[in-house]
PDB file of all heavy atoms in Angstrom:
ATOM      1  N   LEU A   1      10.794 136.043  75.073  1.00  0.00           N
ATOM      2  CA  LEU A   1       9.386 135.609  74.952  1.00  0.00           C
ATOM      3  C   LEU A   1       8.579 136.150  76.139  1.00  0.00           C
ATOM      4  O   LEU A   1       9.102 136.487  77.179  1.00  0.00           O
ATOM      5  CB  LEU A   1       9.375 134.120  74.859  1.00  0.00           C
ATOM      6  CG  LEU A   1       9.838 133.365  73.616  1.00  0.00           C
ATOM      7  CD1 LEU A   1      10.129 132.033  73.889  1.00  0.00           C
ATOM      8  CD2 LEU A   1       8.719 133.548  72.524  1.00  0.00           C
ATOM      9  N   GLY A   2       7.280 136.305  75.925  1.00  0.00           N
ATOM     10  CA  GLY A   2       6.401 136.757  77.028  1.00  0.00           C
ATOM     11  C   GLY A   2       6.055 135.531  77.931  1.00  0.00           C
ATOM     12  O   GLY A   2       6.224 134.380  77.666  1.00  0.00           O
ATOM     13  N   ASP A   3       5.306 135.807  79.021  1.00  0.00           N
ATOM     14  CA  ASP A   3       4.956 134.776  79.998  1.00  0.00           C
ATOM     15  C   ASP A   3       4.026 133.749  79.357  1.00  0.00           C
ATOM     16  O   ASP A   3       4.072 132.555  79.680  1.00  0.00           O
ATOM     17  CB  ASP A   3       4.155 135.444  81.175  1.00  0.00           C
ATOM     18  CG  ASP A   3       5.149 136.230  82.008  1.00  0.00           C
ATOM     19  OD1 ASP A   3       6.449 136.033  82.000  1.00  0.00           O
ATOM     20  OD2 ASP A   3       4.655 137.089  82.738  1.00  0.00           O
ATOM     21  N   GLU A   4       3.216 134.149  78.394  1.00  0.00           N
ATOM     22  CA  GLU A   4       2.203 133.187  77.757  1.00  0.00           C
ATOM     23  C   GLU A   4       2.943 132.175  76.899  1.00  0.00           C
ATOM     24  O   GLU A   4       2.355 131.125  76.568  1.00  0.00           O
ATOM     25  CB  GLU A   4       1.155 134.026  76.970  1.00  0.00           C
ATOM     26  CG  GLU A   4       1.708 134.617  75.698  1.00  0.00           C
ATOM     27  CD  GLU A   4       2.461 135.982  75.934  1.00  0.00           C
ATOM     28  OE1 GLU A   4       2.491 136.389  77.127  1.00  0.00           O
ATOM     29  OE2 GLU A   4       2.888 136.600  74.929  1.00  0.00           O
ATOM     30  N   ASP A   5       4.170 132.338  76.555  1.00  0.00           N
ATOM     31  CA  ASP A   5       4.876 131.515  75.595  1.00  0.00           C
ATOM     32  C   ASP A   5       5.959 130.716  76.384  1.00  0.00           C
ATOM     33  O   ASP A   5       6.644 129.897  75.758  1.00  0.00           O
ATOM     34  CB  ASP A   5       5.575 132.262  74.488  1.00  0.00           C
ATOM     35  CG  ASP A   5       4.547 132.911  73.707  1.00  0.00           C
ATOM     36  OD1 ASP A   5       3.645 132.301  73.160  1.00  0.00           O
ATOM     37  OD2 ASP A   5       4.804 134.103  73.262  1.00  0.00           O
ATOM     38  N   GLN A   6       5.973 130.806  77.720  1.00  0.00           N
ATOM     39  CA  GLN A   6       7.089 130.117  78.391  1.00  0.00           C
ATOM     40  C   GLN A   6       6.920 128.579  78.477  1.00  0.00           C
ATOM     41  O   GLN A   6       7.809 127.833  78.404  1.00  0.00           O
ATOM     42  CB  GLN A   6       7.150 130.563  79.843  1.00  0.00           C
ATOM     43  CG  GLN A   6       7.621 131.972  80.054  1.00  0.00           C
ATOM     44  CD  GLN A   6       8.985 132.231  79.404  1.00  0.00           C
ATOM     45  OE1 GLN A   6       9.866 131.324  79.484  1.00  0.00           O
ATOM     46  NE2 GLN A   6       9.211 133.362  78.858  1.00  0.00           N
ATOM     47  N   GLY A   7       5.656 128.057  78.319  1.00  0.00           N
ATOM     48  CA  GLY A   7       5.472 126.664  78.273  1.00  0.00           C
ATOM     49  C   GLY A   7       6.017 126.050  77.016  1.00  0.00           C
ATOM     50  O   GLY A   7       6.660 125.026  76.946  1.00  0.00           O
ATOM     51  N   HIS A   8       5.789 126.771  75.808  1.00  0.00           N
ATOM     52  CA  HIS A   8       6.241 126.306  74.474  1.00  0.00           C
ATOM     53  C   HIS A   8       7.752 126.465  74.429  1.00  0.00           C
ATOM     54  O   HIS A   8       8.530 125.705  73.875  1.00  0.00           O
ATOM     55  CB  HIS A   8       5.557 127.064  73.368  1.00  0.00           C
ATOM     56  CG  HIS A   8       4.093 126.746  73.345  1.00  0.00           C
ATOM     57  ND1 HIS A   8       3.090 127.598  73.782  1.00  0.00           N
ATOM     58  CD2 HIS A   8       3.394 125.698  72.829  1.00  0.00           C
ATOM     59  CE1 HIS A   8       1.943 127.138  73.611  1.00  0.00           C
ATOM     60  NE2 HIS A   8       2.081 125.935  73.024  1.00  0.00           N
ATOM     61  N   SER A   9       8.219 127.648  75.060  1.00  0.00           N
ATOM     62  CA  SER A   9       9.700 127.826  75.133  1.00  0.00           C
ATOM     63  C   SER A   9      10.370 126.723  75.951  1.00  0.00           C
ATOM     64  O   SER A   9      11.349 126.245  75.519  1.00  0.00           O
ATOM     65  CB  SER A   9       9.964 129.211  75.813  1.00  0.00           C
ATOM     66  OG  SER A   9      11.362 129.320  75.996  1.00  0.00           O
ATOM     67  N   ALA A  10       9.778 126.347  77.069  1.00  0.00           N
ATOM     68  CA  ALA A  10      10.432 125.275  77.876  1.00  0.00           C
ATOM     69  C   ALA A  10      10.359 124.003  77.096  1.00  0.00           C
ATOM     70  O   ALA A  10      11.482 123.218  77.137  1.00  0.00           O
ATOM     71  CB  ALA A  10       9.579 125.116  79.153  1.00  0.00           C
ATOM     72  N   ALA A  11       9.343 123.659  76.386  1.00  0.00           N
ATOM     73  CA  ALA A  11       9.310 122.368  75.586  1.00  0.00           C
ATOM     74  C   ALA A  11      10.331 122.461  74.420  1.00  0.00           C
ATOM     75  O   ALA A  11      11.031 121.425  74.233  1.00  0.00           O
ATOM     76  CB  ALA A  11       7.853 122.197  74.954  1.00  0.00           C
ATOM     77  N   SER A  12      10.396 123.529  73.754  1.00  0.00           N
ATOM     78  CA  SER A  12      11.404 123.746  72.668  1.00  0.00           C
ATOM     79  C   SER A  12      12.795 123.599  73.163  1.00  0.00           C
ATOM     80  O   SER A  12      13.716 122.921  72.597  1.00  0.00           O
ATOM     81  CB  SER A  12      11.198 125.041  71.872  1.00  0.00           C
ATOM     82  OG  SER A  12      12.154 125.102  70.767  1.00  0.00           O
ATOM     83  N   TYR A  13      13.038 124.274  74.375  1.00  0.00           N
ATOM     84  CA  TYR A  13      14.334 124.216  75.006  1.00  0.00           C
ATOM     85  C   TYR A  13      14.768 122.766  75.331  1.00  0.00           C
ATOM     86  O   TYR A  13      15.878 122.244  75.082  1.00  0.00           O
ATOM     87  CB  TYR A  13      14.335 125.071  76.198  1.00  0.00           C
ATOM     88  CG  TYR A  13      15.587 125.009  77.088  1.00  0.00           C
ATOM     89  CD1 TYR A  13      16.791 125.676  76.746  1.00  0.00           C
ATOM     90  CD2 TYR A  13      15.627 124.271  78.246  1.00  0.00           C
ATOM     91  CE1 TYR A  13      17.922 125.625  77.520  1.00  0.00           C
ATOM     92  CE2 TYR A  13      16.776 124.225  79.106  1.00  0.00           C
ATOM     93  CZ  TYR A  13      17.902 124.879  78.645  1.00  0.00           C
ATOM     94  OH  TYR A  13      19.036 124.788  79.454  1.00  0.00           O
ATOM     95  N   VAL A  14      13.823 122.100  75.970  1.00  0.00           N
ATOM     96  CA  VAL A  14      14.103 120.633  76.397  1.00  0.00           C
ATOM     97  C   VAL A  14      14.310 119.827  75.137  1.00  0.00           C
ATOM     98  O   VAL A  14      15.029 118.832  75.131  1.00  0.00           O
ATOM     99  CB  VAL A  14      12.958 120.093  77.260  1.00  0.00           C
ATOM    100  CG1 VAL A  14      13.237 118.666  77.633  1.00  0.00           C
ATOM    101  CG2 VAL A  14      12.937 120.948  78.575  1.00  0.00           C
ATOM    102  N   PHE A  15      13.484 120.035  74.120  1.00  0.00           N
ATOM    103  CA  PHE A  15      13.639 119.230  72.809  1.00  0.00           C
ATOM    104  C   PHE A  15      15.028 119.446  72.375  1.00  0.00           C
ATOM    105  O   PHE A  15      15.776 118.410  71.971  1.00  0.00           O
ATOM    106  CB  PHE A  15      12.683 119.791  71.739  1.00  0.00           C
ATOM    107  CG  PHE A  15      11.266 119.124  71.854  1.00  0.00           C
ATOM    108  CD1 PHE A  15      10.215 119.837  71.816  1.00  0.00           C
ATOM    109  CD2 PHE A  15      11.152 117.669  71.791  1.00  0.00           C
ATOM    110  CE1 PHE A  15       8.907 119.259  71.897  1.00  0.00           C
ATOM    111  CE2 PHE A  15       9.936 117.038  71.777  1.00  0.00           C
ATOM    112  CZ  PHE A  15       8.875 117.964  71.809  1.00  0.00           C
ATOM    113  N   GLY A  16      15.566 120.712  72.332  1.00  0.00           N
ATOM    114  CA  GLY A  16      16.962 120.918  71.881  1.00  0.00           C
ATOM    115  C   GLY A  16      17.958 120.310  72.783  1.00  0.00           C
ATOM    116  O   GLY A  16      18.988 119.634  72.464  1.00  0.00           O
ATOM    117  N   TYR A  17      17.664 120.446  74.192  1.00  0.00           N
ATOM    118  CA  TYR A  17      18.522 119.971  75.168  1.00  0.00           C
ATOM    119  C   TYR A  17      18.743 118.455  74.960  1.00  0.00           C
ATOM    120  O   TYR A  17      19.855 117.874  75.018  1.00  0.00           O
ATOM    121  CB  TYR A  17      17.883 120.222  76.463  1.00  0.00           C
ATOM    122  CG  TYR A  17      18.768 120.039  77.749  1.00  0.00           C
ATOM    123  CD1 TYR A  17      19.424 121.114  78.306  1.00  0.00           C
ATOM    124  CD2 TYR A  17      18.921 118.821  78.300  1.00  0.00           C
ATOM    125  CE1 TYR A  17      20.080 121.018  79.508  1.00  0.00           C
ATOM    126  CE2 TYR A  17      19.744 118.652  79.403  1.00  0.00           C
ATOM    127  CZ  TYR A  17      20.301 119.708  80.004  1.00  0.00           C
ATOM    128  OH  TYR A  17      21.027 119.627  81.207  1.00  0.00           O
ATOM    129  N   ARG A  18      17.588 117.726  74.843  1.00  0.00           N
ATOM    130  CA  ARG A  18      17.678 116.327  74.748  1.00  0.00           C
ATOM    131  C   ARG A  18      18.138 115.804  73.388  1.00  0.00           C
ATOM    132  O   ARG A  18      18.620 114.672  73.331  1.00  0.00           O
ATOM    133  CB  ARG A  18      16.254 115.660  75.058  1.00  0.00           C
ATOM    134  CG  ARG A  18      15.828 115.990  76.509  1.00  0.00           C
ATOM    135  CD  ARG A  18      16.792 115.342  77.525  1.00  0.00           C
ATOM    136  NE  ARG A  18      16.453 115.598  78.908  1.00  0.00           N
ATOM    137  CZ  ARG A  18      17.085 115.052  79.914  1.00  0.00           C
ATOM    138  NH1 ARG A  18      18.121 114.176  79.695  1.00  0.00           N
ATOM    139  NH2 ARG A  18      16.725 115.280  81.127  1.00  0.00           N
ATOM    140  N   THR A  19      17.897 116.642  72.376  1.00  0.00           N
ATOM    141  CA  THR A  19      18.489 116.181  71.045  1.00  0.00           C
ATOM    142  C   THR A  19      20.009 116.161  71.106  1.00  0.00           C
ATOM    143  O   THR A  19      20.622 115.261  70.560  1.00  0.00           O
ATOM    144  CB  THR A  19      18.075 117.247  69.959  1.00  0.00           C
ATOM    145  OG1 THR A  19      16.601 117.160  69.837  1.00  0.00           O
ATOM    146  CG2 THR A  19      18.634 116.912  68.556  1.00  0.00           C
ATOM    147  N   ALA A  20      20.501 117.197  71.794  1.00  0.00           N
ATOM    148  CA  ALA A  20      21.999 117.284  72.005  1.00  0.00           C
ATOM    149  C   ALA A  20      22.473 116.082  72.873  1.00  0.00           C
ATOM    150  O   ALA A  20      23.529 115.476  72.706  1.00  0.00           O
ATOM    151  CB  ALA A  20      22.454 118.571  72.596  1.00  0.00           C
ATOM    152  N   ASN A  21      21.615 115.665  73.796  1.00  0.00           N
ATOM    153  CA  ASN A  21      21.981 114.533  74.685  1.00  0.00           C
ATOM    154  C   ASN A  21      22.140 113.245  73.823  1.00  0.00           C
ATOM    155  O   ASN A  21      22.936 112.453  73.959  1.00  0.00           O
ATOM    156  CB  ASN A  21      20.826 114.222  75.784  1.00  0.00           C
ATOM    157  CG  ASN A  21      20.824 115.323  76.882  1.00  0.00           C
ATOM    158  OD1 ASN A  21      19.786 115.365  77.573  1.00  0.00           O
ATOM    159  ND2 ASN A  21      21.745 116.125  76.931  1.00  0.00           N
ATOM    160  N   PHE A  22      21.088 113.162  72.906  1.00  0.00           N
ATOM    161  CA  PHE A  22      21.023 112.031  72.047  1.00  0.00           C
ATOM    162  C   PHE A  22      22.257 111.902  71.120  1.00  0.00           C
ATOM    163  O   PHE A  22      22.953 110.939  70.964  1.00  0.00           O
ATOM    164  CB  PHE A  22      19.771 112.090  71.251  1.00  0.00           C
ATOM    165  CG  PHE A  22      19.674 111.008  70.095  1.00  0.00           C
ATOM    166  CD1 PHE A  22      19.474 109.655  70.465  1.00  0.00           C
ATOM    167  CD2 PHE A  22      19.778 111.412  68.761  1.00  0.00           C
ATOM    168  CE1 PHE A  22      19.429 108.821  69.365  1.00  0.00           C
ATOM    169  CE2 PHE A  22      19.736 110.437  67.857  1.00  0.00           C
ATOM    170  CZ  PHE A  22      19.566 109.182  68.074  1.00  0.00           C
ATOM    171  N   ILE A  23      22.521 113.083  70.446  1.00  0.00           N
ATOM    172  CA  ILE A  23      23.668 113.066  69.542  1.00  0.00           C
ATOM    173  C   ILE A  23      25.008 112.865  70.214  1.00  0.00           C
ATOM    174  O   ILE A  23      25.741 112.070  69.814  1.00  0.00           O
ATOM    175  CB  ILE A  23      23.670 114.505  68.772  1.00  0.00           C
ATOM    176  CG1 ILE A  23      22.459 114.641  67.838  1.00  0.00           C
ATOM    177  CG2 ILE A  23      24.935 114.592  67.945  1.00  0.00           C
ATOM    178  CD1 ILE A  23      22.196 116.075  67.304  1.00  0.00           C
ATOM    179  N   ALA A  24      25.110 113.445  71.364  1.00  0.00           N
ATOM    180  CA  ALA A  24      26.397 113.320  72.136  1.00  0.00           C
ATOM    181  C   ALA A  24      26.524 111.908  72.725  1.00  0.00           C
ATOM    182  O   ALA A  24      27.539 111.275  72.502  1.00  0.00           O
ATOM    183  CB  ALA A  24      26.458 114.292  73.340  1.00  0.00           C
ATOM    184  N   GLY A  25      25.345 111.407  73.236  1.00  0.00           N
ATOM    185  CA  GLY A  25      25.428 110.093  73.774  1.00  0.00           C
ATOM    186  C   GLY A  25      25.691 108.999  72.705  1.00  0.00           C
ATOM    187  O   GLY A  25      26.604 108.150  72.857  1.00  0.00           O
ATOM    188  N   VAL A  26      24.871 108.944  71.646  1.00  0.00           N
ATOM    189  CA  VAL A  26      25.118 107.977  70.668  1.00  0.00           C
ATOM    190  C   VAL A  26      26.421 108.184  69.967  1.00  0.00           C
ATOM    191  O   VAL A  26      27.151 107.195  69.761  1.00  0.00           O
ATOM    192  CB  VAL A  26      23.902 108.091  69.654  1.00  0.00           C
ATOM    193  CG1 VAL A  26      24.265 107.184  68.467  1.00  0.00           C
ATOM    194  CG2 VAL A  26      22.574 107.550  70.282  1.00  0.00           C
ATOM    195  N   GLY A  27      26.710 109.341  69.538  1.00  0.00           N
ATOM    196  CA  GLY A  27      27.950 109.645  68.843  1.00  0.00           C
ATOM    197  C   GLY A  27      29.173 109.295  69.650  1.00  0.00           C
ATOM    198  O   GLY A  27      30.094 108.630  69.187  1.00  0.00           O
ATOM    199  N   VAL A  28      29.287 109.750  70.909  1.00  0.00           N
ATOM    200  CA  VAL A  28      30.469 109.506  71.673  1.00  0.00           C
ATOM    201  C   VAL A  28      30.587 108.036  72.020  1.00  0.00           C
ATOM    202  O   VAL A  28      31.698 107.460  71.856  1.00  0.00           O
ATOM    203  CB  VAL A  28      30.432 110.285  72.995  1.00  0.00           C
ATOM    204  CG1 VAL A  28      31.418 109.875  73.926  1.00  0.00           C
ATOM    205  CG2 VAL A  28      30.615 111.785  72.694  1.00  0.00           C
ATOM    206  N   LEU A  29      29.484 107.345  72.386  1.00  0.00           N
ATOM    207  CA  LEU A  29      29.639 105.965  72.712  1.00  0.00           C
ATOM    208  C   LEU A  29      29.981 105.102  71.540  1.00  0.00           C
ATOM    209  O   LEU A  29      30.828 104.203  71.607  1.00  0.00           O
ATOM    210  CB  LEU A  29      28.310 105.422  73.346  1.00  0.00           C
ATOM    211  CG  LEU A  29      27.939 106.095  74.693  1.00  0.00           C
ATOM    212  CD1 LEU A  29      26.665 105.449  75.184  1.00  0.00           C
ATOM    213  CD2 LEU A  29      29.033 105.725  75.677  1.00  0.00           C
TER     214      LEU A  29
END
């Protein structure tokens, strides 16, 4: 991605990151 899209890229990355946190946390516990 270009520099102009890094904000949206960061948000999408964190969305995915935290989705995995949620699935792992809820599922494992």
